[in-house]
Every structure is written in structure tokens, then in C-alpha cells.
Amino acid sequence: MGRRKKKPFDEVFKNRAKRFFEKFATVKTEYEILRAPRRIDMLVIETDKPIKEHTAFFQYFRKFNIIEFKSEVDPFQMEDLYKIGYYCNAFLLKEKQATIENTTFT
């Protein structure tokens, strides 16, 4: 009998979060930044209504909400601060309705 290969924690969390938020918001699991050929692995949750009735944990969410995933196989490192800043700026530049005031990053 073969062993099932375990998915990394960040991939499992991304899939579960996507299923949960899709019930009441628009969810994108990949986002093309600027006009670069590369895509980044993050979850963008867009909602026009507050999500307070759906979850107590994400009370701080606004219209645009970006989640960057970290796990044991991809732990947070100091260099990630630059990458995260790049992601945030690229998203704000590309999404015409997104501003610092209506966007969160987790």
C-alpha cells in the first residue's frame, strides 16, 4: 500500500481559506504582479461588505485583503520583508480601486 504524500501546511491552509472565503467574497489564489511574467503565490480576498458576520478572527479585513503564506517548508526570513513590500506595492499599483486605507496584508 503506497503512502500519501503530505501537502505543505501553507498549501493546505491556502486551500481551506479559499473554500471558506469563497462563500461570501471573491478569492484569487494567484495574482500577476505588474506586467511581469511571474505570478506570486498569495491569496487575495475581495469583499464589498464587512465579513464580521462570517468570522471573528479577520475583523480587521477591509475591501482588499492579501494573505502571504509561511510554513515549516517556507519559513519567514528577513529577506521576505522586501518580497512582501514588493507584493503590496505591486498590488496597489495594479488594482485601481485598492488604496492603503482599504487594503490589509497578513
Protein backbone atom coordinates (compact mmCIF):
# COMPACT_ATOMS: atom_id res chain seq x y z
CA MET A 1 0.00 0.00 0.00
CA GLY A 2 1.50 3.36 -1.03
CA ARG A 3 1.94 6.27 1.34
CA ARG A 4 0.14 9.53 0.62
CA LYS A 5 2.45 12.45 0.23
CA LYS A 6 1.61 15.22 2.68
CA LYS A 7 0.87 18.66 1.30
CA PRO A 8 2.84 21.51 2.88
CA PHE A 9 0.94 23.37 5.61
CA ASP A 10 0.83 26.64 3.63
CA GLU A 11 -0.81 24.90 0.65
CA VAL A 12 -3.40 23.19 2.85
CA PHE A 13 -4.18 26.46 4.66
CA LYS A 14 -4.48 28.35 1.37
CA ASN A 15 -6.95 25.77 0.01
CA ARG A 16 -9.05 25.78 3.21
CA ALA A 17 -9.03 29.59 3.43
CA LYS A 18 -10.07 29.82 -0.23
CA ARG A 19 -13.04 27.49 0.34
CA PHE A 20 -14.11 29.42 3.45
CA PHE A 21 -13.88 32.95 1.97
CA GLU A 22 -15.44 31.99 -1.40
CA LYS A 23 -18.78 31.68 0.35
CA PHE A 24 -19.04 35.46 0.73
CA ALA A 25 -16.14 37.10 -1.15
CA THR A 26 -14.19 36.97 -4.40
CA VAL A 27 -10.96 34.98 -3.92
CA LYS A 28 -7.88 34.87 -6.17
CA THR A 29 -5.17 32.31 -5.40
CA GLU A 30 -2.61 33.65 -7.86
CA TYR A 31 -2.02 37.24 -8.76
CA GLU A 32 0.06 38.54 -11.65
CA ILE A 33 2.11 41.46 -10.39
CA LEU A 34 2.76 44.39 -12.66
CA ARG A 35 3.37 43.06 -16.15
CA ALA A 36 5.99 40.60 -15.06
CA PRO A 37 5.68 37.08 -16.45
CA ARG A 38 5.84 35.65 -12.94
CA ARG A 39 2.91 35.09 -10.63
CA ILE A 40 3.05 35.22 -6.87
CA ASP A 41 1.56 32.66 -4.54
CA MET A 42 -0.81 34.56 -2.30
CA LEU A 43 -4.49 34.73 -1.51
CA VAL A 44 -6.39 37.93 -2.36
CA ILE A 45 -9.81 38.22 -0.76
CA GLU A 46 -12.02 40.99 -2.12
CA THR A 47 -15.32 41.87 -0.49
CA ASP A 48 -17.67 44.84 -0.65
CA LYS A 49 -19.36 44.05 2.65
CA PRO A 50 -17.75 43.65 6.09
CA ILE A 51 -17.07 40.00 6.87
CA LYS A 52 -17.71 40.31 10.60
CA GLU A 53 -20.78 38.08 10.42
CA HIS A 54 -18.69 35.28 8.88
CA THR A 55 -15.60 35.23 11.09
CA ALA A 56 -14.39 36.71 14.36
CA PHE A 57 -10.70 36.24 13.55
CA PHE A 58 -10.45 38.52 10.49
CA GLN A 59 -12.32 41.52 11.95
CA TYR A 60 -9.65 43.87 10.62
CA PHE A 61 -10.26 42.92 6.96
CA ARG A 62 -11.17 45.71 4.56
CA LYS A 63 -12.15 45.69 0.86
CA PHE A 64 -8.89 44.10 -0.40
CA ASN A 65 -7.12 41.56 1.80
CA ILE A 66 -3.88 39.83 0.91
CA ILE A 67 -2.58 36.76 2.73
CA GLU A 68 1.05 35.62 2.31
CA PHE A 69 1.56 32.04 3.49
CA LYS A 70 4.52 30.79 5.51
CA SER A 71 5.13 27.29 6.83
CA GLU A 72 7.83 24.95 8.05
CA VAL A 73 8.93 24.29 4.47
CA ASP A 74 8.88 28.03 3.65
CA PRO A 75 9.66 29.81 6.94
CA PHE A 76 9.74 33.58 7.36
CA GLN A 77 13.18 35.09 6.77
CA MET A 78 14.32 38.70 6.97
CA GLU A 79 14.63 38.83 3.16
CA ASP A 80 10.89 38.16 2.98
CA LEU A 81 10.24 41.71 4.21
CA TYR A 82 11.47 43.04 0.85
CA LYS A 83 9.37 40.50 -1.07
CA ILE A 84 6.27 41.33 0.96
CA GLY A 85 6.80 45.06 0.40
CA TYR A 86 7.16 44.41 -3.32
CA TYR A 87 3.93 42.38 -3.37
CA CYS A 88 2.00 45.08 -1.54
CA ASN A 89 3.25 47.87 -3.78
CA ALA A 90 2.66 45.85 -6.96
CA PHE A 91 -0.89 45.05 -5.87
CA LEU A 92 -1.66 48.68 -5.00
CA LEU A 93 -0.26 49.85 -8.35
CA LYS A 94 -2.22 47.31 -10.38
CA GLU A 95 -5.61 47.41 -8.62
CA LYS A 96 -7.07 50.81 -9.43
CA GLN A 97 -9.57 50.71 -6.53
CA ALA A 98 -7.04 49.50 -3.94
CA THR A 99 -5.50 52.04 -1.56
CA ILE A 100 -3.50 51.81 1.64
CA GLU A 101 -6.70 52.66 3.54
CA ASN A 102 -8.83 49.84 2.07
CA THR A 103 -6.19 47.08 1.85
CA THR A 104 -4.83 44.74 4.53
CA PHE A 105 -1.85 42.41 4.38
CA THR A 106 -1.49 39.36 6.59
